């Protein structure tokens, strides 16, 4: 949306008009989320409702719903560990207990990772921007996850693979083949 020209309407909510025009005519709406500081929660709320939900997908960085049956490899467990490790609401002892529990749950679900492995993986990313999300974001991501429309990623190199959740068209538009 940032690439679009301003409409120049003083008495109407320009952002809202541009968003609805784009979303209404798009085949798919894909939101890439890297952090919760910004206005993207507005768009996330809009695409999680009709008429856009059925054609919308979310790709959040460092997101993992913290239940073992949703762990699909070490990346998901590391994403959950990052949420625990950087939580301002937990004491160091509580973080330690949560990480131990997380690694035990991961192992029960076929992901061989220890608490120390998780701490090492988190520390490797300490200098990176670590995504953290508000409960509003997490709730919306969970909705998309329940409908298989959410594909988390941890490193930028994984983002392109995450787009695989979005269906591909059965035929290409004429303008692409000309």
N, C-alpha and C. Protein backbone atom coordinates (compact mmCIF):
# COMPACT_ATOMS: atom_id res chain seq x y z
N UNK A 1 0.81 -1.18 0.00
CA UNK A 1 0.00 0.00 0.00
C UNK A 1 0.86 1.25 0.00
N UNK A 2 2.05 1.14 0.54
CA UNK A 2 2.93 2.30 0.59
C UNK A 2 3.38 2.76 -0.78
N UNK A 3 3.27 1.90 -1.78
CA UNK A 3 3.69 2.26 -3.13
C UNK A 3 2.60 3.01 -3.90
N UNK A 4 1.41 3.07 -3.34
CA UNK A 4 0.30 3.72 -4.05
C UNK A 4 0.30 5.22 -3.84
N UNK A 5 -0.12 5.89 -4.85
CA UNK A 5 -0.24 7.34 -4.80
C UNK A 5 -1.36 7.73 -3.85
N UNK A 6 -1.22 8.86 -3.21
CA UNK A 6 -2.29 9.39 -2.36
C UNK A 6 -3.49 9.74 -3.24
N UNK A 7 -4.67 9.51 -2.73
CA UNK A 7 -5.89 9.80 -3.48
C UNK A 7 -6.22 11.29 -3.40
N UNK A 8 -5.93 11.88 -2.26
CA UNK A 8 -6.15 13.30 -2.09
C UNK A 8 -7.58 13.67 -1.71
N UNK A 9 -8.21 12.86 -0.91
CA UNK A 9 -9.57 13.15 -0.44
C UNK A 9 -9.49 13.62 1.00
N UNK A 10 -9.89 14.84 1.22
CA UNK A 10 -9.78 15.40 2.57
C UNK A 10 -10.84 14.89 3.54
N UNK A 11 -12.00 14.58 3.04
CA UNK A 11 -13.11 14.27 3.94
C UNK A 11 -13.39 12.77 4.08
N UNK A 12 -12.59 11.93 3.44
CA UNK A 12 -12.80 10.49 3.52
C UNK A 12 -11.54 9.82 4.06
N UNK A 13 -11.68 8.68 4.73
CA UNK A 13 -10.51 7.96 5.26
C UNK A 13 -9.74 7.29 4.12
N UNK A 14 -8.73 7.98 3.64
CA UNK A 14 -7.99 7.53 2.45
C UNK A 14 -7.38 6.14 2.61
N UNK A 15 -6.76 5.86 3.75
CA UNK A 15 -6.16 4.55 3.96
C UNK A 15 -7.20 3.44 3.79
N UNK A 16 -8.33 3.65 4.39
CA UNK A 16 -9.40 2.65 4.35
C UNK A 16 -9.86 2.39 2.91
N UNK A 17 -10.01 3.43 2.15
CA UNK A 17 -10.43 3.29 0.75
C UNK A 17 -9.38 2.53 -0.04
N UNK A 18 -8.12 2.92 0.08
CA UNK A 18 -7.05 2.23 -0.66
C UNK A 18 -6.96 0.76 -0.25
N UNK A 19 -7.04 0.49 1.05
CA UNK A 19 -6.97 -0.89 1.52
C UNK A 19 -8.09 -1.73 0.91
N UNK A 20 -9.31 -1.28 1.01
CA UNK A 20 -10.45 -2.06 0.51
C UNK A 20 -10.42 -2.22 -1.00
N UNK A 21 -9.96 -1.23 -1.73
CA UNK A 21 -9.84 -1.39 -3.18
C UNK A 21 -8.81 -2.46 -3.52
N UNK A 22 -7.66 -2.40 -2.88
CA UNK A 22 -6.62 -3.40 -3.14
C UNK A 22 -7.09 -4.80 -2.74
N UNK A 23 -7.60 -4.93 -1.53
CA UNK A 23 -8.00 -6.25 -1.03
C UNK A 23 -9.16 -6.83 -1.83
N UNK A 24 -10.09 -5.99 -2.24
CA UNK A 24 -11.25 -6.49 -2.99
C UNK A 24 -10.86 -7.05 -4.34
N UNK A 25 -9.88 -6.46 -4.98
CA UNK A 25 -9.51 -6.88 -6.33
C UNK A 25 -8.32 -7.83 -6.38
N UNK A 26 -7.69 -8.07 -5.27
CA UNK A 26 -6.55 -9.00 -5.23
C UNK A 26 -7.04 -10.44 -5.24
N UNK A 27 -6.27 -11.32 -5.89
CA UNK A 27 -6.59 -12.74 -5.83
C UNK A 27 -6.32 -13.28 -4.43
N UNK A 28 -5.21 -12.84 -3.85
CA UNK A 28 -4.83 -13.26 -2.51
C UNK A 28 -4.27 -12.06 -1.76
N UNK A 29 -4.48 -12.06 -0.44
CA UNK A 29 -3.91 -11.04 0.41
C UNK A 29 -2.94 -11.75 1.34
N UNK A 30 -1.67 -11.36 1.29
CA UNK A 30 -0.64 -12.00 2.09
C UNK A 30 0.02 -10.95 2.97
N UNK A 31 -0.05 -11.17 4.27
CA UNK A 31 0.58 -10.25 5.23
C UNK A 31 1.85 -10.87 5.77
N UNK A 32 2.95 -10.14 5.67
CA UNK A 32 4.23 -10.57 6.24
C UNK A 32 4.45 -9.72 7.49
N UNK A 33 4.64 -10.39 8.62
CA UNK A 33 4.76 -9.69 9.91
C UNK A 33 6.11 -10.00 10.53
N UNK A 34 6.81 -8.94 10.93
CA UNK A 34 8.12 -9.11 11.56
C UNK A 34 8.17 -8.55 12.97
N UNK A 35 7.17 -7.79 13.37
CA UNK A 35 7.14 -7.20 14.70
C UNK A 35 5.77 -6.57 14.92
N UNK A 36 5.50 -6.16 16.15
CA UNK A 36 4.17 -5.61 16.42
C UNK A 36 4.17 -4.10 16.57
N UNK A 37 5.28 -3.45 16.30
CA UNK A 37 5.33 -1.99 16.42
C UNK A 37 4.98 -1.38 15.07
N UNK A 38 3.77 -0.95 14.94
CA UNK A 38 3.35 -0.35 13.68
C UNK A 38 1.88 -0.54 13.46
N UNK A 39 1.42 -0.06 12.34
CA UNK A 39 0.00 -0.06 12.06
C UNK A 39 -0.53 -1.32 11.42
N UNK A 40 0.32 -2.32 11.22
CA UNK A 40 -0.14 -3.51 10.50
C UNK A 40 -1.22 -4.28 11.24
N UNK A 41 -1.41 -4.04 12.51
CA UNK A 41 -2.47 -4.74 13.23
C UNK A 41 -3.83 -4.35 12.65
N UNK A 42 -3.94 -3.15 12.10
CA UNK A 42 -5.18 -2.72 11.47
C UNK A 42 -5.49 -3.60 10.26
N UNK A 43 -4.50 -3.79 9.40
CA UNK A 43 -4.70 -4.64 8.23
C UNK A 43 -4.96 -6.08 8.64
N UNK A 44 -4.25 -6.56 9.66
CA UNK A 44 -4.44 -7.93 10.14
C UNK A 44 -5.87 -8.13 10.60
N UNK A 45 -6.41 -7.17 11.30
CA UNK A 45 -7.80 -7.26 11.75
C UNK A 45 -8.78 -7.25 10.59
N UNK A 46 -8.47 -6.49 9.56
CA UNK A 46 -9.36 -6.41 8.40
C UNK A 46 -9.33 -7.71 7.57
N UNK A 47 -8.13 -8.30 7.38
CA UNK A 47 -8.06 -9.50 6.54
C UNK A 47 -8.56 -10.75 7.27
N UNK A 48 -8.70 -10.65 8.59
CA UNK A 48 -9.19 -11.82 9.32
C UNK A 48 -10.72 -11.87 9.34
N UNK A 49 -11.35 -10.91 8.74
CA UNK A 49 -12.82 -10.85 8.68
C UNK A 49 -13.29 -11.02 7.23
N UNK A 50 -14.56 -11.31 7.08
CA UNK A 50 -15.12 -11.36 5.74
C UNK A 50 -15.15 -9.94 5.20
N UNK A 51 -15.01 -9.74 3.94
CA UNK A 51 -14.97 -10.71 2.86
C UNK A 51 -13.56 -11.18 2.50
N UNK A 52 -12.53 -10.81 3.27
CA UNK A 52 -11.16 -11.07 2.86
C UNK A 52 -10.53 -12.33 3.44
N UNK A 53 -11.08 -12.89 4.49
CA UNK A 53 -10.43 -14.01 5.17
C UNK A 53 -10.17 -15.19 4.23
N UNK A 54 -11.13 -15.54 3.41
CA UNK A 54 -10.98 -16.72 2.55
C UNK A 54 -9.84 -16.62 1.55
N UNK A 55 -9.35 -15.43 1.30
CA UNK A 55 -8.25 -15.28 0.36
C UNK A 55 -7.00 -14.68 1.02
N UNK A 56 -6.95 -14.72 2.34
CA UNK A 56 -5.84 -14.11 3.07
C UNK A 56 -4.96 -15.14 3.76
N UNK A 57 -3.68 -14.81 3.86
CA UNK A 57 -2.66 -15.64 4.48
C UNK A 57 -1.74 -14.75 5.28
N UNK A 58 -1.20 -15.28 6.39
CA UNK A 58 -0.24 -14.52 7.17
C UNK A 58 1.07 -15.28 7.30
N UNK A 59 2.17 -14.54 7.24
CA UNK A 59 3.51 -15.10 7.34
C UNK A 59 4.26 -14.35 8.45
N UNK A 60 4.06 -14.75 9.71
CA UNK A 60 4.70 -14.05 10.82
C UNK A 60 6.09 -14.61 11.14
N UNK A 61 7.02 -13.70 11.39
CA UNK A 61 8.36 -14.12 11.80
C UNK A 61 8.33 -14.45 13.29
N UNK A 62 9.02 -15.52 13.64
CA UNK A 62 9.19 -15.92 15.04
C UNK A 62 7.88 -16.22 15.76
N UNK A 63 6.88 -16.65 15.04
CA UNK A 63 5.60 -17.00 15.68
C UNK A 63 5.49 -18.51 15.81
N UNK A 64 5.01 -18.94 16.94
CA UNK A 64 4.70 -20.35 17.14
C UNK A 64 3.64 -20.45 18.21
N UNK A 65 2.52 -21.04 17.89
CA UNK A 65 1.52 -21.30 18.91
C UNK A 65 2.11 -22.35 19.82
N UNK A 66 2.09 -22.14 21.10
CA UNK A 66 2.87 -22.96 22.00
C UNK A 66 2.17 -24.23 22.44
N UNK A 67 1.82 -25.04 21.47
CA UNK A 67 1.33 -26.38 21.78
C UNK A 67 2.17 -27.36 20.97
N UNK A 68 2.52 -28.46 21.58
CA UNK A 68 3.42 -29.41 20.98
C UNK A 68 2.97 -29.98 19.66
N UNK A 69 1.67 -30.20 19.51
CA UNK A 69 1.21 -30.82 18.26
C UNK A 69 1.40 -29.90 17.06
N UNK A 70 1.69 -28.63 17.31
CA UNK A 70 1.92 -27.70 16.22
C UNK A 70 3.39 -27.54 15.87
N UNK A 71 4.30 -28.18 16.63
CA UNK A 71 5.71 -28.07 16.32
C UNK A 71 6.00 -28.85 15.05
N UNK A 72 6.52 -28.14 14.07
CA UNK A 72 6.85 -28.77 12.79
C UNK A 72 8.34 -28.61 12.53
N UNK A 73 9.13 -28.99 13.50
CA UNK A 73 10.57 -28.89 13.36
C UNK A 73 11.17 -27.92 14.37
N UNK A 74 12.48 -27.87 14.35
CA UNK A 74 13.22 -27.08 15.33
C UNK A 74 12.91 -25.58 15.21
N UNK A 75 12.66 -25.10 14.00
CA UNK A 75 12.39 -23.66 13.82
C UNK A 75 11.18 -23.22 14.64
N UNK A 76 10.14 -24.05 14.68
CA UNK A 76 8.95 -23.71 15.47
C UNK A 76 9.27 -23.68 16.96
N UNK A 77 10.08 -24.62 17.41
CA UNK A 77 10.43 -24.69 18.83
C UNK A 77 11.30 -23.49 19.20
N UNK A 78 12.23 -23.13 18.32
CA UNK A 78 13.08 -21.96 18.57
C UNK A 78 12.24 -20.69 18.62
N UNK A 79 11.27 -20.56 17.73
CA UNK A 79 10.39 -19.39 17.74
C UNK A 79 9.65 -19.30 19.07
N UNK A 80 9.15 -20.43 19.56
CA UNK A 80 8.47 -20.43 20.86
C UNK A 80 9.45 -20.09 21.98
N UNK A 81 10.67 -20.61 21.89
CA UNK A 81 11.69 -20.33 22.91
C UNK A 81 12.03 -18.84 22.93
N UNK A 82 12.06 -18.22 21.77
CA UNK A 82 12.36 -16.78 21.72
C UNK A 82 11.28 -15.97 22.43
N UNK A 83 10.04 -16.38 22.26
CA UNK A 83 8.96 -15.69 22.95
C UNK A 83 9.11 -15.80 24.46
N UNK A 84 9.52 -16.97 24.92
CA UNK A 84 9.72 -17.17 26.36
C UNK A 84 10.94 -16.38 26.83
N UNK A 85 12.04 -16.51 26.12
CA UNK A 85 13.32 -15.93 26.52
C UNK A 85 13.24 -14.40 26.63
N UNK A 86 12.50 -13.77 25.73
CA UNK A 86 12.42 -12.32 25.71
C UNK A 86 11.17 -11.76 26.38
N UNK A 87 10.45 -12.58 27.07
CA UNK A 87 9.25 -12.12 27.78
C UNK A 87 9.62 -11.24 28.96
N UNK A 88 9.01 -10.08 29.02
CA UNK A 88 9.23 -9.18 30.16
C UNK A 88 8.38 -9.57 31.36
N UNK A 89 7.45 -10.48 31.15
CA UNK A 89 6.51 -10.84 32.21
C UNK A 89 6.97 -12.03 33.04
N UNK A 90 8.09 -12.65 32.66
CA UNK A 90 8.58 -13.83 33.38
C UNK A 90 9.89 -13.52 34.09
N UNK A 91 10.06 -14.12 35.26
CA UNK A 91 11.34 -14.02 35.96
C UNK A 91 12.32 -14.97 35.29
N UNK A 92 13.60 -14.86 35.62
CA UNK A 92 14.60 -15.76 35.04
C UNK A 92 14.31 -17.21 35.38
N UNK A 93 13.88 -17.47 36.61
CA UNK A 93 13.54 -18.85 37.01
C UNK A 93 12.34 -19.37 36.22
N UNK A 94 11.34 -18.52 36.02
CA UNK A 94 10.17 -18.93 35.25
C UNK A 94 10.54 -19.20 33.79
N UNK A 95 11.42 -18.37 33.24
CA UNK A 95 11.89 -18.59 31.86
C UNK A 95 12.60 -19.93 31.76
N UNK A 96 13.45 -20.21 32.75
CA UNK A 96 14.19 -21.47 32.77
C UNK A 96 13.22 -22.66 32.79
N UNK A 97 12.21 -22.58 33.66
CA UNK A 97 11.20 -23.65 33.74
C UNK A 97 10.43 -23.79 32.43
N UNK A 98 10.05 -22.67 31.84
CA UNK A 98 9.29 -22.70 30.57
C UNK A 98 10.13 -23.31 29.45
N UNK A 99 11.41 -22.95 29.38
CA UNK A 99 12.28 -23.51 28.34
C UNK A 99 12.48 -25.01 28.53
N UNK A 100 12.60 -25.44 29.77
CA UNK A 100 12.73 -26.87 30.05
C UNK A 100 11.46 -27.60 29.62
N UNK A 101 10.32 -27.06 29.96
CA UNK A 101 9.03 -27.64 29.58
C UNK A 101 8.87 -27.65 28.05
N UNK A 102 9.28 -26.58 27.42
CA UNK A 102 9.19 -26.48 25.96
C UNK A 102 10.04 -27.54 25.28
N UNK A 103 11.26 -27.73 25.75
CA UNK A 103 12.13 -28.74 25.14
C UNK A 103 11.58 -30.15 25.40
N UNK A 104 10.99 -30.40 26.57
CA UNK A 104 10.38 -31.71 26.85
C UNK A 104 9.20 -31.96 25.92
N UNK A 105 8.37 -30.94 25.73
CA UNK A 105 7.22 -31.08 24.82
C UNK A 105 7.70 -31.32 23.40
N UNK A 106 8.73 -30.61 22.99
CA UNK A 106 9.28 -30.79 21.64
C UNK A 106 9.78 -32.23 21.45
N UNK A 107 10.50 -32.73 22.43
CA UNK A 107 11.02 -34.10 22.31
C UNK A 107 9.88 -35.12 22.23
N UNK A 108 8.80 -34.90 23.00
CA UNK A 108 7.65 -35.80 22.95
C UNK A 108 7.01 -35.80 21.56
N UNK A 109 7.17 -34.69 20.86
CA UNK A 109 6.57 -34.55 19.54
C UNK A 109 7.57 -34.74 18.41
N UNK A 110 8.69 -35.40 18.72
CA UNK A 110 9.63 -35.79 17.68
C UNK A 110 10.67 -34.76 17.29
N UNK A 111 10.78 -33.68 18.03
CA UNK A 111 11.79 -32.67 17.74
C UNK A 111 12.87 -32.78 18.81
N UNK A 112 14.03 -33.31 18.44
CA UNK A 112 15.10 -33.55 19.39
C UNK A 112 15.85 -32.27 19.72
N UNK A 113 15.46 -31.64 20.80
CA UNK A 113 16.10 -30.39 21.21
C UNK A 113 16.11 -30.30 22.73
N UNK A 114 17.24 -29.87 23.26
CA UNK A 114 17.35 -29.71 24.72
C UNK A 114 17.14 -28.24 25.08
N UNK A 115 17.00 -27.99 26.36
CA UNK A 115 16.88 -26.61 26.84
C UNK A 115 18.13 -25.82 26.44
N UNK A 116 19.30 -26.45 26.56
CA UNK A 116 20.55 -25.78 26.21
C UNK A 116 20.60 -25.48 24.71
N UNK A 117 20.09 -26.40 23.88
CA UNK A 117 20.02 -26.14 22.43
C UNK A 117 19.17 -24.91 22.15
N UNK A 118 18.06 -24.80 22.86
CA UNK A 118 17.17 -23.66 22.67
C UNK A 118 17.84 -22.35 23.09
N UNK A 119 18.51 -22.38 24.22
CA UNK A 119 19.19 -21.17 24.69
C UNK A 119 20.28 -20.77 23.70
N UNK A 120 21.04 -21.75 23.20
CA UNK A 120 22.08 -21.46 22.20
C UNK A 120 21.48 -20.85 20.94
N UNK A 121 20.37 -21.42 20.47
CA UNK A 121 19.73 -20.92 19.25
C UNK A 121 19.21 -19.50 19.45
N UNK A 122 18.66 -19.23 20.62
CA UNK A 122 18.16 -17.88 20.92
C UNK A 122 19.32 -16.90 20.98
N UNK A 123 20.40 -17.29 21.63
CA UNK A 123 21.55 -16.39 21.76
C UNK A 123 22.22 -16.10 20.42
N UNK A 124 22.16 -17.06 19.50
CA UNK A 124 22.70 -16.82 18.16
C UNK A 124 21.97 -15.67 17.48
N UNK A 125 20.72 -15.47 17.85
CA UNK A 125 19.91 -14.42 17.23
C UNK A 125 19.79 -13.18 18.09
N UNK A 126 20.55 -13.10 19.17
CA UNK A 126 20.42 -11.95 20.09
C UNK A 126 20.61 -10.61 19.41
N UNK A 127 21.47 -10.53 18.45
CA UNK A 127 21.72 -9.25 17.79
C UNK A 127 20.74 -8.97 16.66
N UNK A 128 19.97 -9.97 16.28
CA UNK A 128 18.94 -9.77 15.26
C UNK A 128 17.74 -9.11 15.91
N UNK A 129 16.91 -8.53 15.09
CA UNK A 129 15.64 -8.02 15.60
C UNK A 129 14.73 -9.21 15.85
N UNK A 130 14.38 -9.43 17.09
CA UNK A 130 13.51 -10.53 17.45
C UNK A 130 12.08 -10.04 17.49
N UNK A 131 11.22 -10.73 16.80
CA UNK A 131 9.82 -10.33 16.75
C UNK A 131 9.12 -10.72 18.03
N UNK A 132 8.30 -9.82 18.51
CA UNK A 132 7.39 -10.15 19.60
C UNK A 132 6.05 -9.54 19.23
N UNK A 133 5.00 -10.18 19.64
CA UNK A 133 3.67 -9.76 19.20
C UNK A 133 2.75 -9.55 20.39
N UNK A 134 1.81 -8.65 20.20
CA UNK A 134 0.79 -8.41 21.21
C UNK A 134 -0.20 -9.57 21.19
N UNK A 135 -1.05 -9.64 22.20
CA UNK A 135 -2.06 -10.70 22.24
C UNK A 135 -3.02 -10.56 21.06
N UNK A 136 -3.21 -9.34 20.56
CA UNK A 136 -4.08 -9.14 19.40
C UNK A 136 -3.49 -9.86 18.18
N UNK A 137 -2.20 -9.65 17.93
CA UNK A 137 -1.53 -10.33 16.83
C UNK A 137 -1.62 -11.85 17.00
N UNK A 138 -1.25 -12.32 18.20
CA UNK A 138 -1.22 -13.76 18.44
C UNK A 138 -2.59 -14.40 18.22
N UNK A 139 -3.63 -13.73 18.65
CA UNK A 139 -4.98 -14.24 18.48
C UNK A 139 -5.33 -14.35 16.99
N UNK A 140 -4.98 -13.34 16.22
CA UNK A 140 -5.27 -13.37 14.78
C UNK A 140 -4.42 -14.42 14.07
N UNK A 141 -3.13 -14.51 14.42
CA UNK A 141 -2.28 -15.54 13.82
C UNK A 141 -2.85 -16.92 14.09
N UNK A 142 -3.34 -17.13 15.31
CA UNK A 142 -3.90 -18.43 15.68
C UNK A 142 -5.12 -18.77 14.83
N UNK A 143 -5.95 -17.77 14.55
CA UNK A 143 -7.11 -17.98 13.68
C UNK A 143 -6.66 -18.46 12.31
N UNK A 144 -5.66 -17.80 11.75
CA UNK A 144 -5.16 -18.21 10.43
C UNK A 144 -4.51 -19.59 10.52
N UNK A 145 -3.82 -19.87 11.60
CA UNK A 145 -3.18 -21.17 11.78
C UNK A 145 -4.22 -22.28 11.81
N UNK A 146 -5.31 -22.06 12.49
CA UNK A 146 -6.36 -23.08 12.57
C UNK A 146 -6.98 -23.39 11.21
N UNK A 147 -6.84 -22.47 10.27
CA UNK A 147 -7.37 -22.67 8.92
C UNK A 147 -6.27 -22.92 7.90
N UNK A 148 -5.09 -23.31 8.38
CA UNK A 148 -3.93 -23.62 7.54
C UNK A 148 -3.59 -22.46 6.59
N UNK A 149 -3.68 -21.24 7.12
CA UNK A 149 -3.37 -20.05 6.34
C UNK A 149 -2.27 -19.23 7.01
N UNK A 150 -1.48 -19.89 7.85
CA UNK A 150 -0.40 -19.22 8.57
C UNK A 150 0.87 -20.05 8.37
N UNK A 151 1.94 -19.39 7.94
CA UNK A 151 3.21 -20.09 7.77
C UNK A 151 4.31 -19.25 8.42
N UNK A 152 4.71 -19.61 9.64
CA UNK A 152 5.76 -18.87 10.33
C UNK A 152 7.13 -19.08 9.68
N UNK A 153 8.01 -18.17 9.94
CA UNK A 153 9.39 -18.26 9.47
C UNK A 153 10.29 -17.62 10.52
N UNK A 154 11.57 -18.01 10.51
CA UNK A 154 12.50 -17.49 11.50
C UNK A 154 13.57 -16.63 10.81
N UNK A 155 14.20 -17.18 9.80
CA UNK A 155 15.24 -16.44 9.08
C UNK A 155 14.71 -15.99 7.73
N UNK A 156 15.25 -14.87 7.23
CA UNK A 156 14.77 -14.34 5.96
C UNK A 156 14.85 -15.36 4.84
N UNK A 157 15.85 -16.23 4.88
CA UNK A 157 16.00 -17.24 3.84
C UNK A 157 14.81 -18.21 3.82
N UNK A 158 14.05 -18.30 4.94
CA UNK A 158 12.89 -19.19 5.01
C UNK A 158 11.60 -18.52 4.53
N UNK A 159 11.64 -17.20 4.39
CA UNK A 159 10.42 -16.48 4.03
C UNK A 159 9.88 -16.92 2.67
N UNK A 160 10.74 -17.05 1.67
CA UNK A 160 10.28 -17.46 0.33
C UNK A 160 9.59 -18.83 0.40
N UNK A 161 10.12 -19.76 1.18
CA UNK A 161 9.48 -21.07 1.32
C UNK A 161 8.12 -20.97 2.02
N UNK A 162 7.99 -20.01 2.93
CA UNK A 162 6.73 -19.83 3.65
C UNK A 162 5.59 -19.43 2.73
N UNK A 163 5.92 -18.79 1.64
CA UNK A 163 4.90 -18.34 0.69
C UNK A 163 4.21 -19.54 0.04
N UNK A 164 4.77 -20.72 0.15
CA UNK A 164 4.17 -21.92 -0.45
C UNK A 164 2.77 -22.20 0.06
N UNK A 165 2.37 -21.62 1.20
CA UNK A 165 1.02 -21.81 1.72
C UNK A 165 -0.02 -21.16 0.81
N UNK A 166 0.39 -20.16 0.03
CA UNK A 166 -0.54 -19.44 -0.84
C UNK A 166 -0.74 -20.26 -2.11
N UNK A 167 -1.99 -20.54 -2.47
CA UNK A 167 -2.24 -21.32 -3.68
C UNK A 167 -1.72 -20.59 -4.92
N UNK A 168 -1.28 -21.36 -5.87
CA UNK A 168 -0.85 -20.76 -7.14
C UNK A 168 -2.01 -20.82 -8.12
N UNK A 169 -2.08 -19.84 -9.01
CA UNK A 169 -3.18 -19.86 -9.98
C UNK A 169 -3.03 -21.04 -10.93
N UNK A 170 -4.16 -21.54 -11.40
CA UNK A 170 -4.12 -22.66 -12.34
C UNK A 170 -3.66 -22.22 -13.72
N UNK A 171 -3.85 -20.96 -14.04
CA UNK A 171 -3.35 -20.42 -15.30
C UNK A 171 -2.78 -19.03 -15.04
N UNK A 172 -1.87 -18.62 -15.87
CA UNK A 172 -1.25 -17.32 -15.73
C UNK A 172 -2.07 -16.27 -16.47
N UNK A 173 -2.12 -15.05 -15.99
CA UNK A 173 -2.84 -14.00 -16.70
C UNK A 173 -2.21 -13.72 -18.05
N UNK A 174 -3.00 -13.27 -19.00
CA UNK A 174 -2.50 -12.99 -20.35
C UNK A 174 -1.35 -12.00 -20.35
N UNK A 175 -1.42 -11.00 -19.51
CA UNK A 175 -0.38 -9.97 -19.52
C UNK A 175 0.98 -10.52 -19.08
N UNK A 176 1.00 -11.65 -18.36
CA UNK A 176 2.28 -12.24 -17.96
C UNK A 176 2.93 -13.00 -19.09
N UNK A 177 2.15 -13.50 -20.03
CA UNK A 177 2.71 -14.31 -21.11
C UNK A 177 2.99 -13.50 -22.37
N UNK A 178 2.54 -12.27 -22.40
CA UNK A 178 2.77 -11.43 -23.61
C UNK A 178 4.12 -10.84 -23.64
